[in-house]
C-alpha atoms as a PDB file:
ATOM      1  CA  MET A   1     -11.114  -4.345  17.810  1.00  0.00           C
ATOM      2  CA  ASN A   2      -9.322  -7.042  15.925  1.00  0.00           C
ATOM      3  CA  GLY A   3      -6.835  -6.652  13.071  1.00  0.00           C
ATOM      4  CA  ALA A   4      -9.464  -6.885  10.350  1.00  0.00           C
ATOM      5  CA  ALA A   5      -8.976  -4.548   7.445  1.00  0.00           C
ATOM      6  CA  THR A   6     -11.994  -2.375   8.118  1.00  0.00           C
ATOM      7  CA  GLY A   7     -10.221   0.971   8.288  1.00  0.00           C
ATOM      8  CA  SER A   8      -8.046   2.948   5.955  1.00  0.00           C
ATOM      9  CA  ALA A   9      -4.685   1.701   4.691  1.00  0.00           C
ATOM     10  CA  ASP A  10      -3.008   3.915   7.310  1.00  0.00           C
ATOM     11  CA  ARG A  11      -4.992   2.190  10.071  1.00  0.00           C
ATOM     12  CA  LEU A  12      -3.463  -1.142   9.053  1.00  0.00           C
ATOM     13  CA  ARG A  13      -0.061   0.151  10.130  1.00  0.00           C
ATOM     14  CA  ASP A  14      -1.311   0.306  13.724  1.00  0.00           C
ATOM     15  CA  ASP A  15      -2.335  -3.333  13.557  1.00  0.00           C
ATOM     16  CA  VAL A  16       1.203  -4.767  13.252  1.00  0.00           C
ATOM     17  CA  ALA A  17       1.484  -4.398  17.018  1.00  0.00           C
ATOM     18  CA  ASP A  18      -0.451  -6.346  19.613  1.00  0.00           C
ATOM     19  CA  PRO A  19      -0.824  -4.204  22.728  1.00  0.00           C
ATOM     20  CA  ALA A  20      -2.110  -7.184  24.733  1.00  0.00           C
ATOM     21  CA  THR A  21       1.186  -9.064  24.290  1.00  0.00           C
ATOM     22  CA  TRP A  22       3.533  -6.098  23.801  1.00  0.00           C
ATOM     23  CA  SER A  23       4.643  -7.563  20.487  1.00  0.00           C
ATOM     24  CA  VAL A  24       5.066  -6.458  16.899  1.00  0.00           C
ATOM     25  CA  ARG A  25       4.836  -8.694  13.829  1.00  0.00           C
ATOM     26  CA  VAL A  26       7.722  -8.496  11.346  1.00  0.00           C
ATOM     27  CA  CYS A  27       8.167 -10.718   8.307  1.00  0.00           C
ATOM     28  CA  GLY A  28      11.130 -13.006   8.868  1.00  0.00           C
ATOM     29  CA  ASP A  29      12.200 -12.805   5.232  1.00  0.00           C
ATOM     30  CA  ARG A  30      11.308 -10.948   2.071  1.00  0.00           C
ATOM     31  CA  CYS A  31       8.504 -12.500   0.065  1.00  0.00           C
ATOM     32  CA  THR A  32       9.173 -13.442  -3.548  1.00  0.00           C
ATOM     33  CA  THR A  33       7.612 -10.221  -4.841  1.00  0.00           C
ATOM     34  CA  CYS A  34       8.925  -7.914  -2.124  1.00  0.00           C
ATOM     35  CA  ILE A  35       9.087  -4.308  -3.276  1.00  0.00           C
ATOM     36  CA  PHE A  36      12.593  -4.130  -1.810  1.00  0.00           C
ATOM     37  CA  ARG A  37      13.956  -6.876  -4.083  1.00  0.00           C
ATOM     38  CA  PRO A  38      15.856  -5.796  -7.205  1.00  0.00           C
ATOM     39  CA  GLY A  39      13.658  -5.037 -10.186  1.00  0.00           C
ATOM     40  CA  ASN A  40      10.053  -3.948 -10.133  1.00  0.00           C
ATOM     41  CA  LEU A  41       8.375  -7.240  -9.251  1.00  0.00           C
ATOM     42  CA  MET A  42       5.089  -5.568  -8.301  1.00  0.00           C
ATOM     43  CA  ASN A  43       5.023  -3.315 -11.384  1.00  0.00           C
ATOM     44  CA  LEU A  44       4.782  -0.185  -9.268  1.00  0.00           C
ATOM     45  CA  ALA A  45       4.958   3.300 -10.730  1.00  0.00           C
ATOM     46  CA  PRO A  46       8.471   4.778 -10.802  1.00  0.00           C
ATOM     47  CA  GLY A  47       9.324   6.347  -7.445  1.00  0.00           C
ATOM     48  CA  ARG A  48       6.475   4.594  -5.595  1.00  0.00           C
ATOM     49  CA  VAL A  49       8.731   2.610  -3.239  1.00  0.00           C
ATOM     50  CA  ALA A  50      10.901   5.653  -2.533  1.00  0.00           C
ATOM     51  CA  ASN A  51       7.771   7.650  -1.684  1.00  0.00           C
ATOM     52  CA  MET A  52       6.474   4.877   0.601  1.00  0.00           C
ATOM     53  CA  VAL A  53       9.794   4.791   2.454  1.00  0.00           C
ATOM     54  CA  LYS A  54       9.942   8.593   2.670  1.00  0.00           C
ATOM     55  CA  LYS A  55       6.432   8.775   4.174  1.00  0.00           C
ATOM     56  CA  ALA A  56       7.054   5.891   6.590  1.00  0.00           C
ATOM     57  CA  VAL A  57      10.327   7.444   7.767  1.00  0.00           C
ATOM     58  CA  ALA A  58       8.711  10.875   8.197  1.00  0.00           C
ATOM     59  CA  ASP A  59       5.855   9.325  10.216  1.00  0.00           C
ATOM     60  CA  GLU A  60       8.153   7.054  12.274  1.00  0.00           C
ATOM     61  CA  GLY A  61       6.040   4.284  10.767  1.00  0.00           C
ATOM     62  CA  HIS A  62       6.751   1.334   8.544  1.00  0.00           C
ATOM     63  CA  VAL A  63       5.726  -0.416   5.342  1.00  0.00           C
ATOM     64  CA  VAL A  64       3.380  -3.365   5.770  1.00  0.00           C
ATOM     65  CA  CYS A  65       4.170  -6.467   3.698  1.00  0.00           C
ATOM     66  CA  HIS A  66       1.676  -6.560   0.845  1.00  0.00           C
ATOM     67  CA  GLN A  67       1.039 -10.263   1.443  1.00  0.00           C
ATOM     68  CA  THR A  68      -0.142  -9.536   4.977  1.00  0.00           C
ATOM     69  CA  LEU A  69      -2.398  -6.594   4.103  1.00  0.00           C
ATOM     70  CA  GLY A  70      -6.048  -7.355   4.769  1.00  0.00           C
ATOM     71  CA  THR A  71      -5.213 -10.325   6.998  1.00  0.00           C
ATOM     72  CA  GLU A  72      -5.732 -10.618  10.733  1.00  0.00           C
ATOM     73  CA  ALA A  73      -1.948 -10.441  11.186  1.00  0.00           C
ATOM     74  CA  PRO A  74      -0.440  -7.630   9.108  1.00  0.00           C
ATOM     75  CA  ALA A  75       3.327  -7.467   9.539  1.00  0.00           C
ATOM     76  CA  ILE A  76       6.143  -5.043   8.841  1.00  0.00           C
ATOM     77  CA  CYS A  77       7.821  -5.838   5.534  1.00  0.00           C
ATOM     78  CA  ALA A  78      11.186  -7.585   5.991  1.00  0.00           C
ATOM     79  CA  GLY A  79      12.661  -5.371   3.274  1.00  0.00           C
ATOM     80  CA  PHE A  80      11.626  -2.252   5.164  1.00  0.00           C
ATOM     81  CA  ALA A  81      12.892  -3.695   8.461  1.00  0.00           C
ATOM     82  CA  ASP A  82      16.289  -4.183   6.750  1.00  0.00           C
ATOM     83  CA  HIS A  83      16.247  -0.777   5.042  1.00  0.00           C
ATOM     84  CA  PRO A  84      18.952   1.519   6.486  1.00  0.00           C
ATOM     85  CA  ARG A  85      16.554   4.426   7.035  1.00  0.00           C
ATOM     86  CA  GLY A  86      13.504   2.310   7.786  1.00  0.00           C
ATOM     87  CA  ARG A  87      14.892   0.257  10.633  1.00  0.00           C
ATOM     88  CA  VAL A  88      16.163   3.414  12.357  1.00  0.00           C
ATOM     89  CA  ALA A  89      13.053   5.553  11.855  1.00  0.00           C
ATOM     90  CA  SER A  90      10.319   3.026  12.664  1.00  0.00           C
ATOM     91  CA  LEU A  91       9.032   3.558  16.188  1.00  0.00           C
ATOM     92  CA  ALA A  92       7.851  -0.063  16.411  1.00  0.00           C
ATOM     93  CA  LEU A  93      11.270  -1.396  15.390  1.00  0.00           C
ATOM     94  CA  ARG A  94      13.060   0.985  17.768  1.00  0.00           C
ATOM     95  CA  LEU A  95      10.839  -0.162  20.641  1.00  0.00           C
ATOM     96  CA  ALA A  96      11.589  -3.779  19.751  1.00  0.00           C
ATOM     97  CA  ARG A  97      15.343  -3.099  19.751  1.00  0.00           C
ATOM     98  CA  ALA A  98      14.972  -1.409  23.139  1.00  0.00           C
ATOM     99  CA  GLY A  99      13.224  -4.481  24.521  1.00  0.00           C
ATOM    100  CA  VAL A 100       9.874  -2.764  25.052  1.00  0.00           C
ATOM    101  CA  LEU A 101       8.182  -4.832  22.329  1.00  0.00           C
ATOM    102  CA  THR A 102       8.897  -8.406  21.316  1.00  0.00           C
ATOM    103  CA  ILE A 103       9.234  -9.212  17.620  1.00  0.00           C
ATOM    104  CA  VAL A 104       7.001 -12.004  16.402  1.00  0.00           C
ATOM    105  CA  PRO A 105       8.396 -13.339  13.118  1.00  0.00           C
ATOM    106  CA  VAL A 106       5.770 -13.865  10.419  1.00  0.00           C
ATOM    107  CA  VAL A 107       5.988 -15.985   7.290  1.00  0.00           C
ATOM    108  CA  PRO A 108       3.726 -14.481   4.607  1.00  0.00           C
ATOM    109  CA  GLU A 109       1.520 -16.886   2.719  1.00  0.00           C
ATOM    110  CA  LYS A 110       3.104 -18.119  -0.493  1.00  0.00           C
ATOM    111  CA  GLU A 111       1.967 -16.434  -3.649  1.00  0.00           C
ATOM    112  CA  SER A 112      -0.101 -18.630  -5.890  1.00  0.00           C
ATOM    113  CA  ALA A 113       1.616 -19.691  -9.093  1.00  0.00           C
ATOM    114  CA  GLY A 114      -0.117 -17.831 -11.838  1.00  0.00           C
END
């Protein structure tokens, strides 16, 4: 199966890793509307980001960058990868730090000027 967004949102989290190359995609920098930037640039409900982090940490998972969702190359959000709890809890990031997986830096597509 390829990384197409045919499954549930949770399934997309599995797709940040490429088992064929033992690599994991991580955004190299926060996008301009990253949910981890100050302010509420994505107009999310209060507490939404905190809940996403809490669930990802509890699941040893991660938060996928919204600009990579639904693409063939979803990637871990740079803001989550920098988050003090996120970078420690994420199994994919721990495996990369241990040298089991290689990090492939991703540059999300630029948002269109609206």
